[in-house]
Every structure is written in C-alpha cells, then in structure tokens.
Amino acid sequence: FTIHDLPKPERPRERLQKFGPEALSAQ
C-alpha cells in the first residue's frame, strides 16, 4: 500500500491542506 493508492482527495497532504493536522493520524 502506498499513498498513491488512495484517491487524491483522501491523501494525507490534501487532507492536511483542507482540514488541518488534526484530521490526520500520527502515522
């Protein structure tokens, strides 16, 4: 599994930009 396997809106970088760091897991 890689980040590129995720749909673009669900990738960590995009979620970080849209929702902030609180929306991401520590991993």
mmCIF file of all heavy atoms, coordinates in Angstrom:
data_MODEL
# 
_entry.id   MODEL 
# 
loop_
_atom_site.group_PDB 
_atom_site.id 
_atom_site.type_symbol 
_atom_site.label_atom_id 
_atom_site.label_alt_id 
_atom_site.label_comp_id 
_atom_site.label_asym_id 
_atom_site.label_entity_id 
_atom_site.label_seq_id 
_atom_site.pdbx_PDB_ins_code 
_atom_site.Cartn_x 
_atom_site.Cartn_y 
_atom_site.Cartn_z 
_atom_site.occupancy 
_atom_site.B_iso_or_equiv 
_atom_site.pdbx_formal_charge 
_atom_site.auth_seq_id 
_atom_site.auth_comp_id 
_atom_site.auth_asym_id 
_atom_site.auth_atom_id 
_atom_site.pdbx_PDB_model_num 
ATOM 1   N N   . PHE A 1 1  ? 0.827   -1.204 0.000  1.00 0.00 ? 1  PHE A N   1 
ATOM 2   C CA  . PHE A 1 1  ? 0.000   0.000  0.000  1.00 0.00 ? 1  PHE A CA  1 
ATOM 3   C C   . PHE A 1 1  ? 0.861   1.254  0.000  1.00 0.00 ? 1  PHE A C   1 
ATOM 4   O O   . PHE A 1 1  ? 1.812   1.364  0.758  1.00 0.00 ? 1  PHE A O   1 
ATOM 5   C CB  . PHE A 1 1  ? -0.900  -0.007 1.239  1.00 0.00 ? 1  PHE A CB  1 
ATOM 6   C CG  . PHE A 1 1  ? -1.642  1.282  1.459  1.00 0.00 ? 1  PHE A CG  1 
ATOM 7   C CD1 . PHE A 1 1  ? -2.765  1.588  0.717  1.00 0.00 ? 1  PHE A CD1 1 
ATOM 8   C CD2 . PHE A 1 1  ? -1.205  2.199  2.398  1.00 0.00 ? 1  PHE A CD2 1 
ATOM 9   C CE1 . PHE A 1 1  ? -3.442  2.776  0.921  1.00 0.00 ? 1  PHE A CE1 1 
ATOM 10  C CE2 . PHE A 1 1  ? -1.878  3.384  2.606  1.00 0.00 ? 1  PHE A CE2 1 
ATOM 11  C CZ  . PHE A 1 1  ? -2.996  3.671  1.859  1.00 0.00 ? 1  PHE A CZ  1 
ATOM 12  N N   . THR A 1 2  ? 0.539   2.169  -0.883 1.00 0.00 ? 2  THR A N   1 
ATOM 13  C CA  . THR A 1 2  ? 1.211   3.463  -0.891 1.00 0.00 ? 2  THR A CA  1 
ATOM 14  C C   . THR A 1 2  ? 0.164   4.561  -0.853 1.00 0.00 ? 2  THR A C   1 
ATOM 15  O O   . THR A 1 2  ? -1.021  4.327  -1.109 1.00 0.00 ? 2  THR A O   1 
ATOM 16  C CB  . THR A 1 2  ? 2.095   3.660  -2.147 1.00 0.00 ? 2  THR A CB  1 
ATOM 17  O OG1 . THR A 1 2  ? 1.248   3.795  -3.296 1.00 0.00 ? 2  THR A OG1 1 
ATOM 18  C CG2 . THR A 1 2  ? 3.057   2.505  -2.345 1.00 0.00 ? 2  THR A CG2 1 
ATOM 19  N N   . ILE A 1 3  ? 0.607   5.761  -0.566 1.00 0.00 ? 3  ILE A N   1 
ATOM 20  C CA  . ILE A 1 3  ? -0.294  6.919  -0.540 1.00 0.00 ? 3  ILE A CA  1 
ATOM 21  C C   . ILE A 1 3  ? -0.944  7.113  -1.904 1.00 0.00 ? 3  ILE A C   1 
ATOM 22  O O   . ILE A 1 3  ? -2.103  7.503  -2.000 1.00 0.00 ? 3  ILE A O   1 
ATOM 23  C CB  . ILE A 1 3  ? 0.467   8.176  -0.073 1.00 0.00 ? 3  ILE A CB  1 
ATOM 24  C CG1 . ILE A 1 3  ? 0.779   8.033  1.423  1.00 0.00 ? 3  ILE A CG1 1 
ATOM 25  C CG2 . ILE A 1 3  ? -0.326  9.445  -0.355 1.00 0.00 ? 3  ILE A CG2 1 
ATOM 26  C CD1 . ILE A 1 3  ? 1.650   9.112  2.001  1.00 0.00 ? 3  ILE A CD1 1 
ATOM 27  N N   . HIS A 1 4  ? -0.216  6.791  -2.961 1.00 0.00 ? 4  HIS A N   1 
ATOM 28  C CA  . HIS A 1 4  ? -0.755  6.978  -4.312 1.00 0.00 ? 4  HIS A CA  1 
ATOM 29  C C   . HIS A 1 4  ? -1.889  6.010  -4.640 1.00 0.00 ? 4  HIS A C   1 
ATOM 30  O O   . HIS A 1 4  ? -2.587  6.188  -5.637 1.00 0.00 ? 4  HIS A O   1 
ATOM 31  C CB  . HIS A 1 4  ? 0.362   6.893  -5.344 1.00 0.00 ? 4  HIS A CB  1 
ATOM 32  C CG  . HIS A 1 4  ? 1.359   7.993  -5.186 1.00 0.00 ? 4  HIS A CG  1 
ATOM 33  N ND1 . HIS A 1 4  ? 1.089   9.302  -5.506 1.00 0.00 ? 4  HIS A ND1 1 
ATOM 34  C CD2 . HIS A 1 4  ? 2.618   7.986  -4.690 1.00 0.00 ? 4  HIS A CD2 1 
ATOM 35  C CE1 . HIS A 1 4  ? 2.144   10.046 -5.225 1.00 0.00 ? 4  HIS A CE1 1 
ATOM 36  N NE2 . HIS A 1 4  ? 3.086   9.282  -4.727 1.00 0.00 ? 4  HIS A NE2 1 
ATOM 37  N N   . ASP A 1 5  ? -2.091  4.992  -3.792 1.00 0.00 ? 5  ASP A N   1 
ATOM 38  C CA  . ASP A 1 5  ? -3.218  4.077  -3.974 1.00 0.00 ? 5  ASP A CA  1 
ATOM 39  C C   . ASP A 1 5  ? -4.538  4.719  -3.543 1.00 0.00 ? 5  ASP A C   1 
ATOM 40  O O   . ASP A 1 5  ? -5.601  4.234  -3.897 1.00 0.00 ? 5  ASP A O   1 
ATOM 41  C CB  . ASP A 1 5  ? -3.008  2.784  -3.175 1.00 0.00 ? 5  ASP A CB  1 
ATOM 42  C CG  . ASP A 1 5  ? -1.864  1.950  -3.718 1.00 0.00 ? 5  ASP A CG  1 
ATOM 43  O OD1 . ASP A 1 5  ? -1.618  1.987  -4.942 1.00 0.00 ? 5  ASP A OD1 1 
ATOM 44  O OD2 . ASP A 1 5  ? -1.208  1.262  -2.911 1.00 0.00 ? 5  ASP A OD2 1 
ATOM 45  N N   . LEU A 1 6  ? -4.458  5.782  -2.772 1.00 0.00 ? 6  LEU A N   1 
ATOM 46  C CA  . LEU A 1 6  ? -5.653  6.477  -2.303 1.00 0.00 ? 6  LEU A CA  1 
ATOM 47  C C   . LEU A 1 6  ? -6.163  7.459  -3.351 1.00 0.00 ? 6  LEU A C   1 
ATOM 48  O O   . LEU A 1 6  ? -5.364  8.064  -4.076 1.00 0.00 ? 6  LEU A O   1 
ATOM 49  C CB  . LEU A 1 6  ? -5.328  7.276  -1.033 1.00 0.00 ? 6  LEU A CB  1 
ATOM 50  C CG  . LEU A 1 6  ? -4.976  6.489  0.212  1.00 0.00 ? 6  LEU A CG  1 
ATOM 51  C CD1 . LEU A 1 6  ? -4.452  7.440  1.285  1.00 0.00 ? 6  LEU A CD1 1 
ATOM 52  C CD2 . LEU A 1 6  ? -6.190  5.734  0.718  1.00 0.00 ? 6  LEU A CD2 1 
ATOM 53  N N   . PRO A 1 7  ? -7.481  7.674  -3.393 1.00 0.00 ? 7  PRO A N   1 
ATOM 54  C CA  . PRO A 1 7  ? -7.999  8.746  -4.260 1.00 0.00 ? 7  PRO A CA  1 
ATOM 55  C C   . PRO A 1 7  ? -7.385  10.076 -3.800 1.00 0.00 ? 7  PRO A C   1 
ATOM 56  O O   . PRO A 1 7  ? -7.168  10.289 -2.600 1.00 0.00 ? 7  PRO A O   1 
ATOM 57  C CB  . PRO A 1 7  ? -9.502  8.725  -4.013 1.00 0.00 ? 7  PRO A CB  1 
ATOM 58  C CG  . PRO A 1 7  ? -9.787  7.383  -3.424 1.00 0.00 ? 7  PRO A CG  1 
ATOM 59  C CD  . PRO A 1 7  ? -8.545  6.961  -2.699 1.00 0.00 ? 7  PRO A CD  1 
ATOM 60  N N   . LYS A 1 8  ? -7.092  10.958 -4.726 1.00 0.00 ? 8  LYS A N   1 
ATOM 61  C CA  . LYS A 1 8  ? -6.388  12.198 -4.399 1.00 0.00 ? 8  LYS A CA  1 
ATOM 62  C C   . LYS A 1 8  ? -7.001  12.969 -3.224 1.00 0.00 ? 8  LYS A C   1 
ATOM 63  O O   . LYS A 1 8  ? -6.272  13.409 -2.339 1.00 0.00 ? 8  LYS A O   1 
ATOM 64  C CB  . LYS A 1 8  ? -6.262  13.091 -5.641 1.00 0.00 ? 8  LYS A CB  1 
ATOM 65  C CG  . LYS A 1 8  ? -5.269  14.200 -5.424 1.00 0.00 ? 8  LYS A CG  1 
ATOM 66  C CD  . LYS A 1 8  ? -4.795  14.826 -6.708 1.00 0.00 ? 8  LYS A CD  1 
ATOM 67  C CE  . LYS A 1 8  ? -3.723  15.833 -6.351 1.00 0.00 ? 8  LYS A CE  1 
ATOM 68  N NZ  . LYS A 1 8  ? -2.944  16.257 -7.458 1.00 0.00 ? 8  LYS A NZ  1 
ATOM 69  N N   . PRO A 1 9  ? -8.333  13.143 -3.137 1.00 0.00 ? 9  PRO A N   1 
ATOM 70  C CA  . PRO A 1 9  ? -8.886  13.905 -2.004 1.00 0.00 ? 9  PRO A CA  1 
ATOM 71  C C   . PRO A 1 9  ? -8.682  13.232 -0.644 1.00 0.00 ? 9  PRO A C   1 
ATOM 72  O O   . PRO A 1 9  ? -8.799  13.868 0.392  1.00 0.00 ? 9  PRO A O   1 
ATOM 73  C CB  . PRO A 1 9  ? -10.377 14.012 -2.317 1.00 0.00 ? 9  PRO A CB  1 
ATOM 74  C CG  . PRO A 1 9  ? -10.525 13.669 -3.751 1.00 0.00 ? 9  PRO A CG  1 
ATOM 75  C CD  . PRO A 1 9  ? -9.358  12.802 -4.117 1.00 0.00 ? 9  PRO A CD  1 
ATOM 76  N N   . GLU A 1 10 ? -8.383  11.928 -0.643 1.00 0.00 ? 10 GLU A N   1 
ATOM 77  C CA  . GLU A 1 10 ? -8.197  11.199 0.613  1.00 0.00 ? 10 GLU A CA  1 
ATOM 78  C C   . GLU A 1 10 ? -6.733  11.087 1.024  1.00 0.00 ? 10 GLU A C   1 
ATOM 79  O O   . GLU A 1 10 ? -6.423  10.531 2.077  1.00 0.00 ? 10 GLU A O   1 
ATOM 80  C CB  . GLU A 1 10 ? -8.804  9.802  0.488  1.00 0.00 ? 10 GLU A CB  1 
ATOM 81  C CG  . GLU A 1 10 ? -10.308 9.840  0.331  1.00 0.00 ? 10 GLU A CG  1 
ATOM 82  C CD  . GLU A 1 10 ? -10.900 8.450  0.163  1.00 0.00 ? 10 GLU A CD  1 
ATOM 83  O OE1 . GLU A 1 10 ? -10.283 7.468  0.607  1.00 0.00 ? 10 GLU A OE1 1 
ATOM 84  O OE2 . GLU A 1 10 ? -11.979 8.360  -0.428 1.00 0.00 ? 10 GLU A OE2 1 
ATOM 85  N N   . ARG A 1 11 ? -5.817  11.599 0.220  1.00 0.00 ? 11 ARG A N   1 
ATOM 86  C CA  . ARG A 1 11 ? -4.390  11.529 0.537  1.00 0.00 ? 11 ARG A CA  1 
ATOM 87  C C   . ARG A 1 11 ? -4.057  12.484 1.681  1.00 0.00 ? 11 ARG A C   1 
ATOM 88  O O   . ARG A 1 11 ? -4.667  13.545 1.829  1.00 0.00 ? 11 ARG A O   1 
ATOM 89  C CB  . ARG A 1 11 ? -3.561  11.873 -0.693 1.00 0.00 ? 11 ARG A CB  1 
ATOM 90  C CG  . ARG A 1 11 ? -3.707  10.839 -1.794 1.00 0.00 ? 11 ARG A CG  1 
ATOM 91  C CD  . ARG A 1 11 ? -2.914  11.209 -3.012 1.00 0.00 ? 11 ARG A CD  1 
ATOM 92  N NE  . ARG A 1 11 ? -3.185  10.254 -4.085 1.00 0.00 ? 11 ARG A NE  1 
ATOM 93  C CZ  . ARG A 1 11 ? -2.737  10.370 -5.314 1.00 0.00 ? 11 ARG A CZ  1 
ATOM 94  N NH1 . ARG A 1 11 ? -1.966  11.389 -5.651 1.00 0.00 ? 11 ARG A NH1 1 
ATOM 95  N NH2 . ARG A 1 11 ? -3.038  9.465  -6.205 1.00 0.00 ? 11 ARG A NH2 1 
ATOM 96  N N   . PRO A 1 12 ? -3.090  12.097 2.516  1.00 0.00 ? 12 PRO A N   1 
ATOM 97  C CA  . PRO A 1 12 ? -2.757  12.917 3.691  1.00 0.00 ? 12 PRO A CA  1 
ATOM 98  C C   . PRO A 1 12 ? -2.418  14.376 3.379  1.00 0.00 ? 12 PRO A C   1 
ATOM 99  O O   . PRO A 1 12 ? -2.889  15.271 4.081  1.00 0.00 ? 12 PRO A O   1 
ATOM 100 C CB  . PRO A 1 12 ? -1.554  12.186 4.296  1.00 0.00 ? 12 PRO A CB  1 
ATOM 101 C CG  . PRO A 1 12 ? -1.739  10.768 3.887  1.00 0.00 ? 12 PRO A CG  1 
ATOM 102 C CD  . PRO A 1 12 ? -2.345  10.841 2.512  1.00 0.00 ? 12 PRO A CD  1 
ATOM 103 N N   . ARG A 1 13 ? -1.637  14.637 2.368  1.00 0.00 ? 13 ARG A N   1 
ATOM 104 C CA  . ARG A 1 13 ? -1.257  16.029 2.070  1.00 0.00 ? 13 ARG A CA  1 
ATOM 105 C C   . ARG A 1 13 ? -2.477  16.879 1.735  1.00 0.00 ? 13 ARG A C   1 
ATOM 106 O O   . ARG A 1 13 ? -2.626  18.003 2.205  1.00 0.00 ? 13 ARG A O   1 
ATOM 107 C CB  . ARG A 1 13 ? -0.246  16.077 0.922  1.00 0.00 ? 13 ARG A CB  1 
ATOM 108 C CG  . ARG A 1 13 ? 0.326   17.451 0.680  1.00 0.00 ? 13 ARG A CG  1 
ATOM 109 C CD  . ARG A 1 13 ? 1.425   17.491 -0.371 1.00 0.00 ? 13 ARG A CD  1 
ATOM 110 N NE  . ARG A 1 13 ? 2.374   16.405 -0.307 1.00 0.00 ? 13 ARG A NE  1 
ATOM 111 C CZ  . ARG A 1 13 ? 3.415   16.328 0.518  1.00 0.00 ? 13 ARG A CZ  1 
ATOM 112 N NH1 . ARG A 1 13 ? 3.647   17.305 1.351  1.00 0.00 ? 13 ARG A NH1 1 
ATOM 113 N NH2 . ARG A 1 13 ? 4.226   15.294 0.500  1.00 0.00 ? 13 ARG A NH2 1 
ATOM 114 N N   . GLU A 1 14 ? -3.369  16.324 0.941  1.00 0.00 ? 14 GLU A N   1 
ATOM 115 C CA  . GLU A 1 14 ? -4.583  17.063 0.557  1.00 0.00 ? 14 GLU A CA  1 
ATOM 116 C C   . GLU A 1 14 ? -5.492  17.258 1.764  1.00 0.00 ? 14 GLU A C   1 
ATOM 117 O O   . GLU A 1 14 ? -6.077  18.326 1.949  1.00 0.00 ? 14 GLU A O   1 
ATOM 118 C CB  . GLU A 1 14 ? -5.309  16.331 -0.562 1.00 0.00 ? 14 GLU A CB  1 
ATOM 119 C CG  . GLU A 1 14 ? -4.655  16.484 -1.929 1.00 0.00 ? 14 GLU A CG  1 
ATOM 120 C CD  . GLU A 1 14 ? -3.358  15.696 -2.125 1.00 0.00 ? 14 GLU A CD  1 
ATOM 121 O OE1 . GLU A 1 14 ? -3.012  14.822 -1.283 1.00 0.00 ? 14 GLU A OE1 1 
ATOM 122 O OE2 . GLU A 1 14 ? -2.673  15.945 -3.133 1.00 0.00 ? 14 GLU A OE2 1 
ATOM 123 N N   . ARG A 1 15 ? -5.626  16.227 2.615  1.00 0.00 ? 15 ARG A N   1 
ATOM 124 C CA  . ARG A 1 15 ? -6.457  16.358 3.819  1.00 0.00 ? 15 ARG A CA  1 
ATOM 125 C C   . ARG A 1 15 ? -5.836  17.346 4.805  1.00 0.00 ? 15 ARG A C   1 
ATOM 126 O O   . ARG A 1 15 ? -6.552  18.098 5.468  1.00 0.00 ? 15 ARG A O   1 
ATOM 127 C CB  . ARG A 1 15 ? -6.671  14.988 4.466  1.00 0.00 ? 15 ARG A CB  1 
ATOM 128 C CG  . ARG A 1 15 ? -7.593  14.133 3.609  1.00 0.00 ? 15 ARG A CG  1 
ATOM 129 C CD  . ARG A 1 15 ? -8.031  12.807 4.206  1.00 0.00 ? 15 ARG A CD  1 
ATOM 130 N NE  . ARG A 1 15 ? -7.874  12.626 5.603  1.00 0.00 ? 15 ARG A NE  1 
ATOM 131 C CZ  . ARG A 1 15 ? -6.978  11.806 6.170  1.00 0.00 ? 15 ARG A CZ  1 
ATOM 132 N NH1 . ARG A 1 15 ? -6.160  11.097 5.442  1.00 0.00 ? 15 ARG A NH1 1 
ATOM 133 N NH2 . ARG A 1 15 ? -6.921  11.691 7.476  1.00 0.00 ? 15 ARG A NH2 1 
ATOM 134 N N   . LEU A 1 16 ? -4.515  17.367 4.896  1.00 0.00 ? 16 LEU A N   1 
ATOM 135 C CA  . LEU A 1 16 ? -3.834  18.337 5.754  1.00 0.00 ? 16 LEU A CA  1 
ATOM 136 C C   . LEU A 1 16 ? -4.147  19.761 5.304  1.00 0.00 ? 16 LEU A C   1 
ATOM 137 O O   . LEU A 1 16 ? -4.488  20.620 6.119  1.00 0.00 ? 16 LEU A O   1 
ATOM 138 C CB  . LEU A 1 16 ? -2.316  18.098 5.731  1.00 0.00 ? 16 LEU A CB  1 
ATOM 139 C CG  . LEU A 1 16 ? -1.460  19.101 6.494  1.00 0.00 ? 16 LEU A CG  1 
ATOM 140 C CD1 . LEU A 1 16 ? -1.733  19.025 7.987  1.00 0.00 ? 16 LEU A CD1 1 
ATOM 141 C CD2 . LEU A 1 16 ? 0.015   18.834 6.210  1.00 0.00 ? 16 LEU A CD2 1 
ATOM 142 N N   . GLN A 1 17 ? -4.065  20.010 4.007  1.00 0.00 ? 17 GLN A N   1 
ATOM 143 C CA  . GLN A 1 17 ? -4.347  21.347 3.478  1.00 0.00 ? 17 GLN A CA  1 
ATOM 144 C C   . GLN A 1 17 ? -5.803  21.749 3.696  1.00 0.00 ? 17 GLN A C   1 
ATOM 145 O O   . GLN A 1 17 ? -6.094  22.896 4.004  1.00 0.00 ? 17 GLN A O   1 
ATOM 146 C CB  . GLN A 1 17 ? -4.013  21.414 1.987  1.00 0.00 ? 17 GLN A CB  1 
ATOM 147 C CG  . GLN A 1 17 ? -2.532  21.349 1.717  1.00 0.00 ? 17 GLN A CG  1 
ATOM 148 C CD  . GLN A 1 17 ? -2.204  21.251 0.231  1.00 0.00 ? 17 GLN A CD  1 
ATOM 149 O OE1 . GLN A 1 17 ? -3.036  20.858 -0.583 1.00 0.00 ? 17 GLN A OE1 1 
ATOM 150 N NE2 . GLN A 1 17 ? -0.979  21.603 -0.110 1.00 0.00 ? 17 GLN A NE2 1 
ATOM 151 N N   . LYS A 1 18 ? -6.708  20.784 3.554  1.00 0.00 ? 18 LYS A N   1 
ATOM 152 C CA  . LYS A 1 18 ? -8.132  21.107 3.641  1.00 0.00 ? 18 LYS A CA  1 
ATOM 153 C C   . LYS A 1 18 ? -8.647  21.155 5.081  1.00 0.00 ? 18 LYS A C   1 
ATOM 154 O O   . LYS A 1 18 ? -9.445  22.027 5.428  1.00 0.00 ? 18 LYS A O   1 
ATOM 155 C CB  . LYS A 1 18 ? -8.941  20.086 2.838  1.00 0.00 ? 18 LYS A CB  1 
ATOM 156 C CG  . LYS A 1 18 ? -10.400 20.436 2.722  1.00 0.00 ? 18 LYS A CG  1 
ATOM 157 C CD  . LYS A 1 18 ? -11.111 19.549 1.722  1.00 0.00 ? 18 LYS A CD  1 
ATOM 158 C CE  . LYS A 1 18 ? -12.541 20.003 1.545  1.00 0.00 ? 18 LYS A CE  1 
ATOM 159 N NZ  . LYS A 1 18 ? -13.274 19.196 0.580  1.00 0.00 ? 18 LYS A NZ  1 
ATOM 160 N N   . PHE A 1 19 ? -8.187  20.221 5.947  1.00 0.00 ? 19 PHE A N   1 
ATOM 161 C CA  . PHE A 1 19 ? -8.774  20.081 7.280  1.00 0.00 ? 19 PHE A CA  1 
ATOM 162 C C   . PHE A 1 19 ? -7.817  20.373 8.430  1.00 0.00 ? 19 PHE A C   1 
ATOM 163 O O   . PHE A 1 19 ? -8.231  20.422 9.585  1.00 0.00 ? 19 PHE A O   1 
ATOM 164 C CB  . PHE A 1 19 ? -9.333  18.666 7.464  1.00 0.00 ? 19 PHE A CB  1 
ATOM 165 C CG  . PHE A 1 19 ? -10.362 18.276 6.432  1.00 0.00 ? 19 PHE A CG  1 
ATOM 166 C CD1 . PHE A 1 19 ? -10.072 17.297 5.492  1.00 0.00 ? 19 PHE A CD1 1 
ATOM 167 C CD2 . PHE A 1 19 ? -11.603 18.880 6.393  1.00 0.00 ? 19 PHE A CD2 1 
ATOM 168 C CE1 . PHE A 1 19 ? -11.017 16.920 4.539  1.00 0.00 ? 19 PHE A CE1 1 
ATOM 169 C CE2 . PHE A 1 19 ? -12.553 18.510 5.447  1.00 0.00 ? 19 PHE A CE2 1 
ATOM 170 C CZ  . PHE A 1 19 ? -12.253 17.532 4.512  1.00 0.00 ? 19 PHE A CZ  1 
ATOM 171 N N   . GLY A 1 20 ? -6.527  20.521 8.143  1.00 0.00 ? 20 GLY A N   1 
ATOM 172 C CA  . GLY A 1 20 ? -5.549  20.766 9.193  1.00 0.00 ? 20 GLY A CA  1 
ATOM 173 C C   . GLY A 1 20 ? -4.978  19.478 9.764  1.00 0.00 ? 20 GLY A C   1 
ATOM 174 O O   . GLY A 1 20 ? -5.468  18.388 9.486  1.00 0.00 ? 20 GLY A O   1 
ATOM 175 N N   . PRO A 1 21 ? -3.947  19.606 10.593 1.00 0.00 ? 21 PRO A N   1 
ATOM 176 C CA  . PRO A 1 21 ? -3.247  18.428 11.107 1.00 0.00 ? 21 PRO A CA  1 
ATOM 177 C C   . PRO A 1 21 ? -4.105  17.546 12.016 1.00 0.00 ? 21 PRO A C   1 
ATOM 178 O O   . PRO A 1 21 ? -3.840  16.355 12.152 1.00 0.00 ? 21 PRO A O   1 
ATOM 179 C CB  . PRO A 1 21 ? -2.059  19.014 11.869 1.00 0.00 ? 21 PRO A CB  1 
ATOM 180 C CG  . PRO A 1 21 ? -2.423  20.425 12.155 1.00 0.00 ? 21 PRO A CG  1 
ATOM 181 C CD  . PRO A 1 21 ? -3.341  20.851 11.046 1.00 0.00 ? 21 PRO A CD  1 
ATOM 182 N N   . GLU A 1 22 ? -5.139  18.097 12.613 1.00 0.00 ? 22 GLU A N   1 
ATOM 183 C CA  . GLU A 1 22 ? -5.999  17.319 13.499 1.00 0.00 ? 22 GLU A CA  1 
ATOM 184 C C   . GLU A 1 22 ? -6.716  16.201 12.751 1.00 0.00 ? 22 GLU A C   1 
ATOM 185 O O   . GLU A 1 22 ? -7.150  15.226 13.360 1.00 0.00 ? 22 GLU A O   1 
ATOM 186 C CB  . GLU A 1 22 ? -7.042  18.216 14.182 1.00 0.00 ? 22 GLU A CB  1 
ATOM 187 C CG  . GLU A 1 22 ? -6.460  19.349 14.993 1.00 0.00 ? 22 GLU A CG  1 
ATOM 188 C CD  . GLU A 1 22 ? -6.042  20.562 14.156 1.00 0.00 ? 22 GLU A CD  1 
ATOM 189 O OE1 . GLU A 1 22 ? -6.503  20.724 13.009 1.00 0.00 ? 22 GLU A OE1 1 
ATOM 190 O OE2 . GLU A 1 22 ? -5.230  21.344 14.667 1.00 0.00 ? 22 GLU A OE2 1 
ATOM 191 N N   . ALA A 1 23 ? -6.870  16.340 11.446 1.00 0.00 ? 23 ALA A N   1 
ATOM 192 C CA  . ALA A 1 23 ? -7.597  15.357 10.647 1.00 0.00 ? 23 ALA A CA  1 
ATOM 193 C C   . ALA A 1 23 ? -6.736  14.148 10.276 1.00 0.00 ? 23 ALA A C   1 
ATOM 194 O O   . ALA A 1 23 ? -7.249  13.181 9.728  1.00 0.00 ? 23 ALA A O   1 
ATOM 195 C CB  . ALA A 1 23 ? -8.128  16.015 9.369  1.00 0.00 ? 23 ALA A CB  1 
ATOM 196 N N   . LEU A 1 24 ? -5.441  14.184 10.587 1.00 0.00 ? 24 LEU A N   1 
ATOM 197 C CA  . LEU A 1 24 ? -4.536  13.112 10.206 1.00 0.00 ? 24 LEU A CA  1 
ATOM 198 C C   . LEU A 1 24 ? -4.086  12.304 11.416 1.00 0.00 ? 24 LEU A C   1 
ATOM 199 O O   . LEU A 1 24 ? -3.982  12.832 12.524 1.00 0.00 ? 24 LEU A O   1 
ATOM 200 C CB  . LEU A 1 24 ? -3.299  13.688 9.509  1.00 0.00 ? 24 LEU A CB  1 
ATOM 201 C CG  . LEU A 1 24 ? -3.441  13.972 8.015  1.00 0.00 ? 24 LEU A CG  1 
ATOM 202 C CD1 . LEU A 1 24 ? -4.437  15.061 7.733  1.00 0.00 ? 24 LEU A CD1 1 
ATOM 203 C CD2 . LEU A 1 24 ? -2.096  14.321 7.424  1.00 0.00 ? 24 LEU A CD2 1 
ATOM 204 N N   . SER A 1 25 ? -3.810  11.045 11.166 1.00 0.00 ? 25 SER A N   1 
ATOM 205 C CA  . SER A 1 25 ? -3.259  10.182 12.217 1.00 0.00 ? 25 SER A CA  1 
ATOM 206 C C   . SER A 1 25 ? -1.780  10.509 12.391 1.00 0.00 ? 25 SER A C   1 
ATOM 207 O O   . SER A 1 25 ? -1.154  11.149 11.534 1.00 0.00 ? 25 SER A O   1 
ATOM 208 C CB  . SER A 1 25 ? -3.418  8.709  11.818 1.00 0.00 ? 25 SER A CB  1 
ATOM 209 O OG  . SER A 1 25 ? -2.576  8.411  10.705 1.00 0.00 ? 25 SER A OG  1 
ATOM 210 N N   . ALA A 1 26 ? -1.203  10.038 13.479 1.00 0.00 ? 26 ALA A N   1 
ATOM 211 C CA  . ALA A 1 26 ? 0.231   10.223 13.702 1.00 0.00 ? 26 ALA A CA  1 
ATOM 212 C C   . ALA A 1 26 ? 1.022   9.573  12.569 1.00 0.00 ? 26 ALA A C   1 
ATOM 213 O O   . ALA A 1 26 ? 2.019   10.128 12.097 1.00 0.00 ? 26 ALA A O   1 
ATOM 214 C CB  . ALA A 1 26 ? 0.630   9.633  15.047 1.00 0.00 ? 26 ALA A CB  1 
ATOM 215 N N   . GLN A 1 27 ? 0.579   8.431  12.102 1.00 0.00 ? 27 GLN A N   1 
ATOM 216 C CA  . GLN A 1 27 ? 1.254   7.746  11.009 1.00 0.00 ? 27 GLN A CA  1 
ATOM 217 C C   . GLN A 1 27 ? 1.243   8.596  9.737  1.00 0.00 ? 27 GLN A C   1 
ATOM 218 O O   . GLN A 1 27 ? 2.254   8.707  9.052  1.00 0.00 ? 27 GLN A O   1 
ATOM 219 C CB  . GLN A 1 27 ? 0.597   6.390  10.740 1.00 0.00 ? 27 GLN A CB  1 
ATOM 220 C CG  . GLN A 1 27 ? 1.274   5.612  9.623  1.00 0.00 ? 27 GLN A CG  1 
ATOM 221 C CD  . GLN A 1 27 ? 0.578   4.299  9.310  1.00 0.00 ? 27 GLN A CD  1 
ATOM 222 O OE1 . GLN A 1 27 ? -0.420  3.948  9.931  1.00 0.00 ? 27 GLN A OE1 1 
ATOM 223 N NE2 . GLN A 1 27 ? 1.098   3.572  8.350  1.00 0.00 ? 27 GLN A NE2 1 
# 
